Amino acid sequence: MNTSPVATPTATVTPTVTQVAEQGVAGADGLKNAVSARSGALGDVVDTLDGLAIRIGATRLSIWDLIVVVVVLVLVVTVAWAANRLSARLIQRARHLDLTQRLLAEKAASLLIWVVAILIGIDVLGIDLTALTVFSGALGLAIGFGLQKTFGNLIAGIILLMDKSIKPGDVIAITDQGGKYTFGQIRRIGIRAVSLTTRDQKEYLIPNENLMVNQVENWSYSSKNVRIQVPVGVAFNADMDKAEALMLEAARAVPRILTTPPPTVWLEGFGDSSVNFHINVWITDPEEGVGNVRSDVLKTLWRLFRENGVAVPYPQRDLNLRDGEALRALIDALRDGEKERP
């Protein structure tokens, strides 16, 4: 009778967290053995540093482990930083790409370089990530909540660069939290925020998500031509045709104002003290400011009005006096004063 051998199941031994912690940093142990094999003196120093260790629970941490970790981190960060700078320079030389495409390529290359650097650092140190599986769920949840806005702004910045709705050099108008309306030029689009510099050199850091969900005025999205309105008031008895001609002459005298489209003058309405006009002019460099254009037009117009006898109105008010004892006493006093004069 033949009896076939019965196969016994082989037990798979899985290292526990305590066993992995007892091993320490594998990279530090491998480097220690390499140094000890090449030089006995250095090996003694390394053994001494490795002997100076503390235990935190089941984890053994020596001075040698700390030195190796710090050195590897410094090397990895330095190499990644240098590679990031090199990739940025190479991308900037790619003239066949526009500014937005170069920025998008820089961000993608930077993200890839740092991910590879982190993985290489973990591999060099010989850290067994399976020992952290117990904590990976809680750690991932904490990171997800903590970096939710950061990743949201990162994705929003990439989307802004891809659809080219906002790019460096654009002039946009925003409203801050205090309700103040201002405009500025975009200097750079970062991972978290957009840098916006105003004419008074104030730099606003606007989160990328805000530019995605809020209304933004982009003055240079499809065209950099911007229209500026300059309000002007003239007296009721002025020659309106002459005043309009002088307004157009003042607008044409400013170098930054475009000749096409040409300046125009609109009659806005009749005010309490003046006839109100708007001078409409166009510029193509809003990043240089708009208030200085209004100032130049008004200064030139003021000189032309004075040379041609066009009056600028003063406030006019009708004063109604009610009859009463006080008013009569005032009138009598004025009459007595007139009589006493020689």
C-alpha atoms as a PDB file:
ATOM      1  CA  MET A   1       0.000   0.000   0.000  1.00  0.00           C
ATOM      2  CA  ASN A   2       1.531   3.245  -1.155  1.00  0.00           C
ATOM      3  CA  THR A   3       1.185   6.233   1.081  1.00  0.00           C
ATOM      4  CA  SER A   4       1.809   9.572  -0.524  1.00  0.00           C
ATOM      5  CA  PRO A   5       3.356  12.217   1.649  1.00  0.00           C
ATOM      6  CA  VAL A   6       0.960  14.769   3.005  1.00  0.00           C
ATOM      7  CA  ALA A   7       1.975  18.335   2.234  1.00  0.00           C
ATOM      8  CA  THR A   8       2.129  20.433   5.317  1.00  0.00           C
ATOM      9  CA  PRO A   9       1.326  24.103   4.955  1.00  0.00           C
ATOM     10  CA  THR A  10       4.271  26.438   5.280  1.00  0.00           C
ATOM     11  CA  ALA A  11       3.723  29.211   7.780  1.00  0.00           C
ATOM     12  CA  THR A  12       4.526  32.690   6.544  1.00  0.00           C
ATOM     13  CA  VAL A  13       6.314  34.736   9.141  1.00  0.00           C
ATOM     14  CA  THR A  14       5.369  38.396   9.062  1.00  0.00           C
ATOM     15  CA  PRO A  15       7.609  40.753  11.007  1.00  0.00           C
ATOM     16  CA  THR A  16       5.839  42.752  13.638  1.00  0.00           C
ATOM     17  CA  VAL A  17       6.252  46.435  14.302  1.00  0.00           C
ATOM     18  CA  THR A  18       8.441  45.634  17.325  1.00  0.00           C
ATOM     19  CA  GLN A  19      10.794  43.484  15.208  1.00  0.00           C
ATOM     20  CA  VAL A  20      11.097  46.202  12.574  1.00  0.00           C
ATOM     21  CA  ALA A  21      11.731  48.819  15.232  1.00  0.00           C
ATOM     22  CA  GLU A  22      14.481  46.652  16.774  1.00  0.00           C
ATOM     23  CA  GLN A  23      16.278  46.641  13.415  1.00  0.00           C
ATOM     24  CA  GLY A  24      16.600  50.427  13.375  1.00  0.00           C
ATOM     25  CA  VAL A  25      17.353  52.299  10.172  1.00  0.00           C
ATOM     26  CA  ALA A  26      18.600  49.730   7.682  1.00  0.00           C
ATOM     27  CA  GLY A  27      20.583  52.304   5.770  1.00  0.00           C
ATOM     28  CA  ALA A  28      22.473  53.360   8.888  1.00  0.00           C
ATOM     29  CA  ASP A  29      23.314  49.740   9.744  1.00  0.00           C
ATOM     30  CA  GLY A  30      24.552  49.046   6.215  1.00  0.00           C
ATOM     31  CA  LEU A  31      26.726  52.162   6.211  1.00  0.00           C
ATOM     32  CA  LYS A  32      28.121  51.241   9.626  1.00  0.00           C
ATOM     33  CA  ASN A  33      29.154  47.805   8.398  1.00  0.00           C
ATOM     34  CA  ALA A  34      30.762  49.303   5.272  1.00  0.00           C
ATOM     35  CA  VAL A  35      32.772  51.804   7.321  1.00  0.00           C
ATOM     36  CA  SER A  36      33.846  49.144   9.820  1.00  0.00           C
ATOM     37  CA  ALA A  37      35.046  46.870   6.994  1.00  0.00           C
ATOM     38  CA  ARG A  38      37.232  49.582   5.437  1.00  0.00           C
ATOM     39  CA  SER A  39      38.720  51.215   8.529  1.00  0.00           C
ATOM     40  CA  GLY A  40      39.029  49.862  12.002  1.00  0.00           C
ATOM     41  CA  ALA A  41      39.498  53.290  13.610  1.00  0.00           C
ATOM     42  CA  LEU A  42      36.426  54.726  11.935  1.00  0.00           C
ATOM     43  CA  GLY A  43      34.579  51.539  12.745  1.00  0.00           C
ATOM     44  CA  ASP A  44      35.323  52.039  16.442  1.00  0.00           C
ATOM     45  CA  VAL A  45      34.018  55.606  16.256  1.00  0.00           C
ATOM     46  CA  VAL A  46      30.884  54.461  14.474  1.00  0.00           C
ATOM     47  CA  ASP A  47      30.362  51.661  17.002  1.00  0.00           C
ATOM     48  CA  THR A  48      30.724  54.198  19.809  1.00  0.00           C
ATOM     49  CA  LEU A  49      28.152  56.527  18.224  1.00  0.00           C
ATOM     50  CA  ASP A  50      25.858  53.587  17.598  1.00  0.00           C
ATOM     51  CA  GLY A  51      26.202  52.532  21.213  1.00  0.00           C
ATOM     52  CA  LEU A  52      24.932  55.925  22.414  1.00  0.00           C
ATOM     53  CA  ALA A  53      21.263  55.185  21.949  1.00  0.00           C
ATOM     54  CA  ILE A  54      17.970  55.692  23.681  1.00  0.00           C
ATOM     55  CA  ARG A  55      14.839  53.615  23.596  1.00  0.00           C
ATOM     56  CA  ILE A  56      11.389  55.019  23.154  1.00  0.00           C
ATOM     57  CA  GLY A  57       9.151  52.080  23.797  1.00  0.00           C
ATOM     58  CA  ALA A  58      10.400  49.322  21.507  1.00  0.00           C
ATOM     59  CA  THR A  59      12.258  51.749  19.210  1.00  0.00           C
ATOM     60  CA  ARG A  60      16.036  52.078  19.458  1.00  0.00           C
ATOM     61  CA  LEU A  61      17.476  55.385  18.257  1.00  0.00           C
ATOM     62  CA  SER A  62      21.227  56.036  18.305  1.00  0.00           C
ATOM     63  CA  ILE A  63      23.335  59.083  17.531  1.00  0.00           C
ATOM     64  CA  TRP A  64      24.699  57.288  14.464  1.00  0.00           C
ATOM     65  CA  ASP A  65      21.158  56.794  13.159  1.00  0.00           C
ATOM     66  CA  LEU A  66      20.446  60.505  13.594  1.00  0.00           C
ATOM     67  CA  ILE A  67      23.669  61.500  11.810  1.00  0.00           C
ATOM     68  CA  VAL A  68      22.898  59.243   8.837  1.00  0.00           C
ATOM     69  CA  VAL A  69      19.322  60.497   8.604  1.00  0.00           C
ATOM     70  CA  VAL A  70      20.405  64.153   8.725  1.00  0.00           C
ATOM     71  CA  VAL A  71      23.163  63.628   6.123  1.00  0.00           C
ATOM     72  CA  VAL A  72      20.813  61.781   3.763  1.00  0.00           C
ATOM     73  CA  LEU A  73      18.128  64.437   4.154  1.00  0.00           C
ATOM     74  CA  VAL A  74      20.607  67.245   3.445  1.00  0.00           C
ATOM     75  CA  LEU A  75      21.948  65.456   0.368  1.00  0.00           C
ATOM     76  CA  VAL A  76      18.495  64.624  -0.974  1.00  0.00           C
ATOM     77  CA  VAL A  77      17.181  68.170  -0.430  1.00  0.00           C
ATOM     78  CA  THR A  78      20.307  69.720  -1.968  1.00  0.00           C
ATOM     79  CA  VAL A  79      20.211  67.491  -5.035  1.00  0.00           C
ATOM     80  CA  ALA A  80      16.456  68.017  -5.460  1.00  0.00           C
ATOM     81  CA  TRP A  81      16.846  71.795  -5.121  1.00  0.00           C
ATOM     82  CA  ALA A  82      19.681  71.837  -7.679  1.00  0.00           C
ATOM     83  CA  ALA A  83      17.692  69.630 -10.068  1.00  0.00           C
ATOM     84  CA  ASN A  84      14.680  71.905  -9.640  1.00  0.00           C
ATOM     85  CA  ARG A  85      16.758  74.995 -10.491  1.00  0.00           C
ATOM     86  CA  LEU A  86      18.303  73.245 -13.495  1.00  0.00           C
ATOM     87  CA  SER A  87      14.931  72.123 -14.829  1.00  0.00           C
ATOM     88  CA  ALA A  88      13.540  75.656 -14.409  1.00  0.00           C
ATOM     89  CA  ARG A  89      16.416  77.108 -16.434  1.00  0.00           C
ATOM     90  CA  LEU A  90      16.003  74.526 -19.182  1.00  0.00           C
ATOM     91  CA  ILE A  91      12.264  75.162 -19.378  1.00  0.00           C
ATOM     92  CA  GLN A  92      12.806  78.932 -19.519  1.00  0.00           C
ATOM     93  CA  ARG A  93      15.013  78.422 -22.578  1.00  0.00           C
ATOM     94  CA  ALA A  94      12.216  76.601 -24.406  1.00  0.00           C
ATOM     95  CA  ARG A  95      11.138  79.545 -26.556  1.00  0.00           C
ATOM     96  CA  HIS A  96       8.550  77.504 -28.431  1.00  0.00           C
ATOM     97  CA  LEU A  97       6.458  77.515 -25.246  1.00  0.00           C
ATOM     98  CA  ASP A  98       4.631  80.630 -24.114  1.00  0.00           C
ATOM     99  CA  LEU A  99       4.897  82.019 -20.575  1.00  0.00           C
ATOM    100  CA  THR A 100       1.908  80.103 -19.250  1.00  0.00           C
ATOM    101  CA  GLN A 101       3.082  76.780 -20.662  1.00  0.00           C
ATOM    102  CA  ARG A 102       6.559  77.291 -19.196  1.00  0.00           C
ATOM    103  CA  LEU A 103       5.107  77.972 -15.742  1.00  0.00           C
ATOM    104  CA  LEU A 104       2.919  74.868 -15.977  1.00  0.00           C
ATOM    105  CA  ALA A 105       5.918  72.766 -17.051  1.00  0.00           C
ATOM    106  CA  GLU A 106       7.985  74.159 -14.158  1.00  0.00           C
ATOM    107  CA  LYS A 107       5.334  73.210 -11.608  1.00  0.00           C
ATOM    108  CA  ALA A 108       4.960  69.690 -13.015  1.00  0.00           C
ATOM    109  CA  ALA A 109       8.744  69.158 -13.121  1.00  0.00           C
ATOM    110  CA  SER A 110       9.163  70.497  -9.577  1.00  0.00           C
ATOM    111  CA  LEU A 111       6.448  68.201  -8.236  1.00  0.00           C
ATOM    112  CA  LEU A 112       7.965  65.177  -9.987  1.00  0.00           C
ATOM    113  CA  ILE A 113      11.493  65.960  -8.761  1.00  0.00           C
ATOM    114  CA  TRP A 114      10.452  66.250  -5.115  1.00  0.00           C
ATOM    115  CA  VAL A 115       8.381  63.060  -5.221  1.00  0.00           C
ATOM    116  CA  VAL A 116      11.324  61.139  -6.698  1.00  0.00           C
ATOM    117  CA  ALA A 117      13.694  62.703  -4.147  1.00  0.00           C
ATOM    118  CA  ILE A 118      11.504  61.605  -1.240  1.00  0.00           C
ATOM    119  CA  LEU A 119      11.256  58.061  -2.572  1.00  0.00           C
ATOM    120  CA  ILE A 120      15.032  57.883  -3.105  1.00  0.00           C
ATOM    121  CA  GLY A 121      15.659  59.166   0.418  1.00  0.00           C
ATOM    122  CA  ILE A 122      13.360  56.499   1.888  1.00  0.00           C
ATOM    123  CA  ASP A 123      15.089  53.824  -0.190  1.00  0.00           C
ATOM    124  CA  VAL A 124      18.599  54.957   0.805  1.00  0.00           C
ATOM    125  CA  LEU A 125      17.700  54.986   4.489  1.00  0.00           C
ATOM    126  CA  GLY A 126      16.178  51.538   4.116  1.00  0.00           C
ATOM    127  CA  ILE A 127      13.043  52.485   5.995  1.00  0.00           C
ATOM    128  CA  ASP A 128      10.461  49.699   5.903  1.00  0.00           C
ATOM    129  CA  LEU A 129       7.180  51.451   5.270  1.00  0.00           C
ATOM    130  CA  THR A 130       5.209  48.324   6.137  1.00  0.00           C
ATOM    131  CA  ALA A 131       5.960  49.090   9.767  1.00  0.00           C
ATOM    132  CA  LEU A 132       3.883  52.237   9.434  1.00  0.00           C
ATOM    133  CA  THR A 133       0.780  50.562   8.032  1.00  0.00           C
ATOM    134  CA  VAL A 134      -0.863  50.707  11.435  1.00  0.00           C
ATOM    135  CA  PHE A 135      -0.588  54.467  11.464  1.00  0.00           C
ATOM    136  CA  SER A 136      -1.100  55.110   7.761  1.00  0.00           C
ATOM    137  CA  GLY A 137      -4.872  55.448   8.024  1.00  0.00           C
ATOM    138  CA  ALA A 138      -4.831  58.018  10.819  1.00  0.00           C
ATOM    139  CA  LEU A 139      -1.824  59.822   9.321  1.00  0.00           C
ATOM    140  CA  GLY A 140      -3.413  60.001   5.878  1.00  0.00           C
ATOM    141  CA  LEU A 141      -6.647  61.323   7.369  1.00  0.00           C
ATOM    142  CA  ALA A 142      -4.787  64.011   9.320  1.00  0.00           C
ATOM    143  CA  ILE A 143      -2.764  65.045   6.288  1.00  0.00           C
ATOM    144  CA  GLY A 144      -5.911  65.117   4.160  1.00  0.00           C
ATOM    145  CA  PHE A 145      -7.671  67.522   6.515  1.00  0.00           C
ATOM    146  CA  GLY A 146      -4.576  69.620   7.169  1.00  0.00           C
ATOM    147  CA  LEU A 147      -3.525  70.031   3.530  1.00  0.00           C
ATOM    148  CA  GLN A 148      -6.990  70.173   2.002  1.00  0.00           C
ATOM    149  CA  LYS A 149      -6.747  73.892   1.207  1.00  0.00           C
ATOM    150  CA  THR A 150      -3.143  73.550   0.061  1.00  0.00           C
ATOM    151  CA  PHE A 151      -3.956  70.866  -2.504  1.00  0.00           C
ATOM    152  CA  GLY A 152      -7.094  72.772  -3.521  1.00  0.00           C
ATOM    153  CA  ASN A 153      -5.037  75.893  -4.225  1.00  0.00           C
ATOM    154  CA  LEU A 154      -2.429  73.806  -6.068  1.00  0.00           C
ATOM    155  CA  ILE A 155      -5.034  72.291  -8.396  1.00  0.00           C
ATOM    156  CA  ALA A 156      -6.690  75.705  -8.846  1.00  0.00           C
ATOM    157  CA  GLY A 157      -3.353  77.248  -9.850  1.00  0.00           C
ATOM    158  CA  ILE A 158      -2.743  74.492 -12.400  1.00  0.00           C
ATOM    159  CA  ILE A 159      -6.234  74.982 -13.861  1.00  0.00           C
ATOM    160  CA  LEU A 160      -5.683  78.748 -14.111  1.00  0.00           C
ATOM    161  CA  LEU A 161      -2.467  78.143 -16.027  1.00  0.00           C
ATOM    162  CA  MET A 162      -4.037  75.541 -18.295  1.00  0.00           C
ATOM    163  CA  ASP A 163      -7.029  77.628 -19.414  1.00  0.00           C
ATOM    164  CA  LYS A 164      -4.896  80.826 -19.521  1.00  0.00           C
ATOM    165  CA  SER A 165      -7.652  82.902 -17.924  1.00  0.00           C
ATOM    166  CA  ILE A 166      -5.105  84.491 -15.578  1.00  0.00           C
ATOM    167  CA  LYS A 167      -1.389  84.573 -16.285  1.00  0.00           C
ATOM    168  CA  PRO A 168       1.643  86.559 -15.110  1.00  0.00           C
ATOM    169  CA  GLY A 169       1.632  90.074 -16.514  1.00  0.00           C
ATOM    170  CA  ASP A 170      -2.163  90.395 -16.609  1.00  0.00           C
ATOM    171  CA  VAL A 171      -3.796  93.412 -14.990  1.00  0.00           C
ATOM    172  CA  ILE A 172      -6.812  92.423 -12.905  1.00  0.00           C
ATOM    173  CA  ALA A 173      -9.211  94.292 -10.637  1.00  0.00           C
ATOM    174  CA  ILE A 174     -10.276  92.856  -7.295  1.00  0.00           C
ATOM    175  CA  THR A 175     -12.280  93.822  -4.243  1.00  0.00           C
ATOM    176  CA  ASP A 176     -10.614  93.165  -0.899  1.00  0.00           C
ATOM    177  CA  GLN A 177     -12.312  92.080   2.322  1.00  0.00           C
ATOM    178  CA  GLY A 178     -12.948  95.696   3.298  1.00  0.00           C
ATOM    179  CA  GLY A 179     -14.852  96.326   0.065  1.00  0.00           C
ATOM    180  CA  LYS A 180     -12.092  98.485  -1.436  1.00  0.00           C
ATOM    181  CA  TYR A 181     -11.819  98.209  -5.197  1.00  0.00           C
ATOM    182  CA  THR A 182      -8.294  98.135  -6.548  1.00  0.00           C
ATOM    183  CA  PHE A 183      -6.312  96.793  -9.456  1.00  0.00           C
ATOM    184  CA  GLY A 184      -2.811  95.476  -9.946  1.00  0.00           C
ATOM    185  CA  GLN A 185      -0.526  93.376 -12.091  1.00  0.00           C
ATOM    186  CA  ILE A 186       0.055  89.662 -11.520  1.00  0.00           C
ATOM    187  CA  ARG A 187       3.720  89.021 -10.832  1.00  0.00           C
ATOM    188  CA  ARG A 188       3.693  85.262 -10.318  1.00  0.00           C
ATOM    189  CA  ILE A 189       1.348  82.315  -9.771  1.00  0.00           C
ATOM    190  CA  GLY A 190       2.623  80.172  -6.905  1.00  0.00           C
ATOM    191  CA  ILE A 191       1.578  76.827  -5.498  1.00  0.00           C
ATOM    192  CA  ARG A 192      -0.728  78.434  -2.941  1.00  0.00           C
ATOM    193  CA  ALA A 193      -1.418  81.999  -4.028  1.00  0.00           C
ATOM    194  CA  VAL A 194      -1.184  84.578  -6.789  1.00  0.00           C
ATOM    195  CA  SER A 195       1.064  87.595  -6.206  1.00  0.00           C
ATOM    196  CA  LEU A 196      -0.697  90.827  -7.212  1.00  0.00           C
ATOM    197  CA  THR A 197       1.231  94.124  -7.056  1.00  0.00           C
ATOM    198  CA  THR A 198      -0.691  97.418  -7.063  1.00  0.00           C
ATOM    199  CA  ARG A 199       0.515 100.830  -8.222  1.00  0.00           C
ATOM    200  CA  ASP A 200       1.484 101.825  -4.671  1.00  0.00           C
ATOM    201  CA  GLN A 201       3.680  98.687  -4.479  1.00  0.00           C
ATOM    202  CA  LYS A 202       1.367  96.827  -2.120  1.00  0.00           C
ATOM    203  CA  GLU A 203       1.565  93.111  -2.794  1.00  0.00           C
ATOM    204  CA  TYR A 204      -1.564  91.053  -2.329  1.00  0.00           C
ATOM    205  CA  LEU A 205      -1.282  87.270  -1.974  1.00  0.00           C
ATOM    206  CA  ILE A 206      -4.613  85.968  -3.233  1.00  0.00           C
ATOM    207  CA  PRO A 207      -5.359  82.233  -2.799  1.00  0.00           C
ATOM    208  CA  ASN A 208      -5.755  80.498  -6.137  1.00  0.00           C
ATOM    209  CA  GLU A 209      -9.181  79.162  -5.137  1.00  0.00           C
ATOM    210  CA  ASN A 210     -10.504  82.726  -4.725  1.00  0.00           C
ATOM    211  CA  LEU A 211      -9.685  83.508  -8.334  1.00  0.00           C
ATOM    212  CA  MET A 212     -11.486  80.324  -9.382  1.00  0.00           C
ATOM    213  CA  VAL A 213     -14.786  80.900  -7.555  1.00  0.00           C
ATOM    214  CA  ASN A 214     -15.006  84.727  -7.361  1.00  0.00           C
ATOM    215  CA  GLN A 215     -15.622  87.238 -10.126  1.00  0.00           C
ATOM    216  CA  VAL A 216     -12.398  88.812 -11.389  1.00  0.00           C
ATOM    217  CA  GLU A 217     -11.947  91.662 -13.867  1.00  0.00           C
ATOM    218  CA  ASN A 218      -9.091  90.798 -16.204  1.00  0.00           C
ATOM    219  CA  TRP A 219      -8.148  93.957 -18.084  1.00  0.00           C
ATOM    220  CA  SER A 220      -5.737  92.145 -20.406  1.00  0.00           C
ATOM    221  CA  TYR A 221      -7.423  88.771 -21.015  1.00  0.00           C
ATOM    222  CA  SER A 222      -8.187  89.142 -24.726  1.00  0.00           C
ATOM    223  CA  SER A 223      -7.001  92.742 -25.222  1.00  0.00           C
ATOM    224  CA  LYS A 224      -4.906  95.168 -23.179  1.00  0.00           C
ATOM    225  CA  ASN A 225      -6.920  98.193 -24.354  1.00  0.00           C
ATOM    226  CA  VAL A 226      -8.649  99.834 -21.396  1.00  0.00           C
ATOM    227  CA  ARG A 227     -11.082 102.739 -21.525  1.00  0.00           C
ATOM    228  CA  ILE A 228     -10.801 105.532 -18.972  1.00  0.00           C
ATOM    229  CA  GLN A 229     -13.501 108.108 -18.248  1.00  0.00           C
ATOM    230  CA  VAL A 230     -12.476 111.612 -17.154  1.00  0.00           C
ATOM    231  CA  PRO A 231     -15.374 113.624 -15.639  1.00  0.00           C
ATOM    232  CA  VAL A 232     -15.436 117.365 -16.461  1.00  0.00           C
ATOM    233  CA  GLY A 233     -17.906 120.108 -15.558  1.00  0.00           C
ATOM    234  CA  VAL A 234     -18.299 123.496 -17.274  1.00  0.00           C
ATOM    235  CA  ALA A 235     -20.415 126.538 -16.464  1.00  0.00           C
ATOM    236  CA  PHE A 236     -23.935 126.861 -17.890  1.00  0.00           C
ATOM    237  CA  ASN A 237     -23.048 130.031 -19.824  1.00  0.00           C
ATOM    238  CA  ALA A 238     -19.999 128.466 -21.537  1.00  0.00           C
ATOM    239  CA  ASP A 239     -19.742 127.738 -25.255  1.00  0.00           C
ATOM    240  CA  MET A 240     -20.421 123.990 -25.265  1.00  0.00           C
ATOM    241  CA  ASP A 241     -19.018 123.336 -28.747  1.00  0.00           C
ATOM    242  CA  LYS A 242     -15.808 125.143 -27.866  1.00  0.00           C
ATOM    243  CA  ALA A 243     -15.571 123.297 -24.537  1.00  0.00           C
ATOM    244  CA  GLU A 244     -15.922 119.910 -26.286  1.00  0.00           C
ATOM    245  CA  ALA A 245     -13.226 120.803 -28.811  1.00  0.00           C
ATOM    246  CA  LEU A 246     -10.853 121.778 -26.001  1.00  0.00           C
ATOM    247  CA  MET A 247     -11.578 118.499 -24.178  1.00  0.00           C
ATOM    248  CA  LEU A 248     -10.635 116.499 -27.272  1.00  0.00           C
ATOM    249  CA  GLU A 249      -7.506 118.603 -27.721  1.00  0.00           C
ATOM    250  CA  ALA A 250      -6.461 117.964 -24.116  1.00  0.00           C
ATOM    251  CA  ALA A 251      -7.019 114.212 -24.515  1.00  0.00           C
ATOM    252  CA  ARG A 252      -4.946 114.031 -27.708  1.00  0.00           C
ATOM    253  CA  ALA A 253      -2.077 115.879 -26.029  1.00  0.00           C
ATOM    254  CA  VAL A 254      -1.419 113.041 -23.544  1.00  0.00           C
ATOM    255  CA  PRO A 255       1.172 110.607 -25.023  1.00  0.00           C
ATOM    256  CA  ARG A 256      -0.250 107.429 -23.444  1.00  0.00           C
ATOM    257  CA  ILE A 257      -3.726 107.935 -24.914  1.00  0.00           C
ATOM    258  CA  LEU A 258      -4.365 105.968 -28.097  1.00  0.00           C
ATOM    259  CA  THR A 259      -5.384 107.631 -31.334  1.00  0.00           C
ATOM    260  CA  THR A 260      -7.298 104.468 -32.336  1.00  0.00           C
ATOM    261  CA  PRO A 261      -9.898 104.215 -30.866  1.00  0.00           C
ATOM    262  CA  PRO A 262      -9.974 108.030 -30.769  1.00  0.00           C
ATOM    263  CA  PRO A 263     -10.969 110.059 -27.686  1.00  0.00           C
ATOM    264  CA  THR A 264     -14.633 111.005 -27.464  1.00  0.00           C
ATOM    265  CA  VAL A 265     -16.696 113.430 -25.349  1.00  0.00           C
ATOM    266  CA  TRP A 266     -20.119 112.564 -23.963  1.00  0.00           C
ATOM    267  CA  LEU A 267     -22.612 114.939 -22.389  1.00  0.00           C
ATOM    268  CA  GLU A 268     -23.483 113.196 -19.119  1.00  0.00           C
ATOM    269  CA  GLY A 269     -26.199 115.522 -17.845  1.00  0.00           C
ATOM    270  CA  PHE A 270     -27.109 118.854 -16.266  1.00  0.00           C
ATOM    271  CA  GLY A 271     -26.029 119.111 -12.664  1.00  0.00           C
ATOM    272  CA  ASP A 272     -26.913 121.580  -9.930  1.00  0.00           C
ATOM    273  CA  SER A 273     -23.960 123.831 -10.728  1.00  0.00           C
ATOM    274  CA  SER A 274     -22.534 122.669 -14.047  1.00  0.00           C
ATOM    275  CA  VAL A 275     -23.000 120.880 -17.333  1.00  0.00           C
ATOM    276  CA  ASN A 276     -21.322 117.494 -16.834  1.00  0.00           C
ATOM    277  CA  PHE A 277     -19.212 115.787 -19.520  1.00  0.00           C
ATOM    278  CA  HIS A 278     -17.186 112.589 -19.730  1.00  0.00           C
ATOM    279  CA  ILE A 279     -13.993 112.377 -21.763  1.00  0.00           C
ATOM    280  CA  ASN A 280     -13.538 108.762 -22.922  1.00  0.00           C
ATOM    281  CA  VAL A 281      -9.972 107.793 -23.739  1.00  0.00           C
ATOM    282  CA  TRP A 282      -8.194 104.475 -24.381  1.00  0.00           C
ATOM    283  CA  ILE A 283      -4.813 103.246 -23.188  1.00  0.00           C
ATOM    284  CA  THR A 284      -2.933 100.012 -23.836  1.00  0.00           C
ATOM    285  CA  ASP A 285      -0.661  99.926 -20.757  1.00  0.00           C
ATOM    286  CA  PRO A 286      -2.934  99.750 -17.680  1.00  0.00           C
ATOM    287  CA  GLU A 287      -0.073  98.363 -15.598  1.00  0.00           C
ATOM    288  CA  GLU A 288       1.408 101.901 -15.681  1.00  0.00           C
ATOM    289  CA  GLY A 289      -1.647 103.253 -13.860  1.00  0.00           C
ATOM    290  CA  VAL A 290      -4.863 105.064 -14.827  1.00  0.00           C
ATOM    291  CA  GLY A 291      -4.989 107.874 -12.284  1.00  0.00           C
ATOM    292  CA  ASN A 292      -1.974 109.590 -13.826  1.00  0.00           C
ATOM    293  CA  VAL A 293      -3.744 109.620 -17.218  1.00  0.00           C
ATOM    294  CA  ARG A 294      -6.752 111.419 -15.714  1.00  0.00           C
ATOM    295  CA  SER A 295      -4.404 113.882 -14.026  1.00  0.00           C
ATOM    296  CA  ASP A 296      -2.555 114.688 -17.262  1.00  0.00           C
ATOM    297  CA  VAL A 297      -5.816 115.251 -19.157  1.00  0.00           C
ATOM    298  CA  LEU A 298      -7.258 117.533 -16.467  1.00  0.00           C
ATOM    299  CA  LYS A 299      -4.076 119.602 -16.115  1.00  0.00           C
ATOM    300  CA  THR A 300      -3.908 120.171 -19.859  1.00  0.00           C
ATOM    301  CA  LEU A 301      -7.621 120.966 -20.001  1.00  0.00           C
ATOM    302  CA  TRP A 302      -7.350 123.475 -17.151  1.00  0.00           C
ATOM    303  CA  ARG A 303      -4.687 125.406 -19.097  1.00  0.00           C
ATOM    304  CA  LEU A 304      -6.768 125.330 -22.289  1.00  0.00           C
ATOM    305  CA  PHE A 305      -9.904 126.507 -20.471  1.00  0.00           C
ATOM    306  CA  ARG A 306      -8.078 129.495 -19.012  1.00  0.00           C
ATOM    307  CA  GLU A 307      -6.508 130.427 -22.341  1.00  0.00           C
ATOM    308  CA  ASN A 308      -9.849 130.279 -24.163  1.00  0.00           C
ATOM    309  CA  GLY A 309     -12.098 131.818 -21.521  1.00  0.00           C
ATOM    310  CA  VAL A 310     -14.147 128.725 -20.671  1.00  0.00           C
ATOM    311  CA  ALA A 311     -15.337 129.048 -17.089  1.00  0.00           C
ATOM    312  CA  VAL A 312     -15.220 126.235 -14.563  1.00  0.00           C
ATOM    313  CA  PRO A 313     -18.400 126.445 -12.455  1.00  0.00           C
ATOM    314  CA  TYR A 314     -18.621 127.217  -8.787  1.00  0.00           C
ATOM    315  CA  PRO A 315     -21.237 125.621  -6.529  1.00  0.00           C
ATOM    316  CA  GLN A 316     -24.576 127.421  -6.754  1.00  0.00           C
ATOM    317  CA  ARG A 317     -27.183 127.370  -4.032  1.00  0.00           C
ATOM    318  CA  ASP A 318     -30.510 129.168  -3.588  1.00  0.00           C
ATOM    319  CA  LEU A 319     -30.905 130.686  -0.116  1.00  0.00           C
ATOM    320  CA  ASN A 320     -34.465 131.102   1.194  1.00  0.00           C
ATOM    321  CA  LEU A 321     -34.965 133.385   4.260  1.00  0.00           C
ATOM    322  CA  ARG A 322     -38.138 133.170   6.318  1.00  0.00           C
ATOM    323  CA  ASP A 323     -39.697 136.360   7.642  1.00  0.00           C
ATOM    324  CA  GLY A 324     -39.425 136.800  11.378  1.00  0.00           C
ATOM    325  CA  GLU A 325     -38.392 139.144  14.189  1.00  0.00           C
ATOM    326  CA  ALA A 326     -34.774 138.077  14.041  1.00  0.00           C
ATOM    327  CA  LEU A 327     -34.592 138.669  10.292  1.00  0.00           C
ATOM    328  CA  ARG A 328     -36.229 142.107  10.625  1.00  0.00           C
ATOM    329  CA  ALA A 329     -33.822 143.069  13.404  1.00  0.00           C
ATOM    330  CA  LEU A 330     -30.903 142.051  11.204  1.00  0.00           C
ATOM    331  CA  ILE A 331     -32.228 144.123   8.285  1.00  0.00           C
ATOM    332  CA  ASP A 332     -32.741 147.159  10.535  1.00  0.00           C
ATOM    333  CA  ALA A 333     -29.227 146.842  11.903  1.00  0.00           C
ATOM    334  CA  LEU A 334     -27.829 146.728   8.381  1.00  0.00           C
ATOM    335  CA  ARG A 335     -29.823 149.822   7.413  1.00  0.00           C
ATOM    336  CA  ASP A 336     -28.610 151.715  10.476  1.00  0.00           C
ATOM    337  CA  GLY A 337     -25.072 150.817   9.596  1.00  0.00           C
ATOM    338  CA  GLU A 338     -25.496 152.122   6.079  1.00  0.00           C
ATOM    339  CA  LYS A 339     -26.892 155.428   7.421  1.00  0.00           C
ATOM    340  CA  GLU A 340     -23.997 155.935   9.802  1.00  0.00           C
ATOM    341  CA  ARG A 341     -21.438 155.641   7.028  1.00  0.00           C
ATOM    342  CA  PRO A 342     -20.157 159.034   5.783  1.00  0.00           C
END
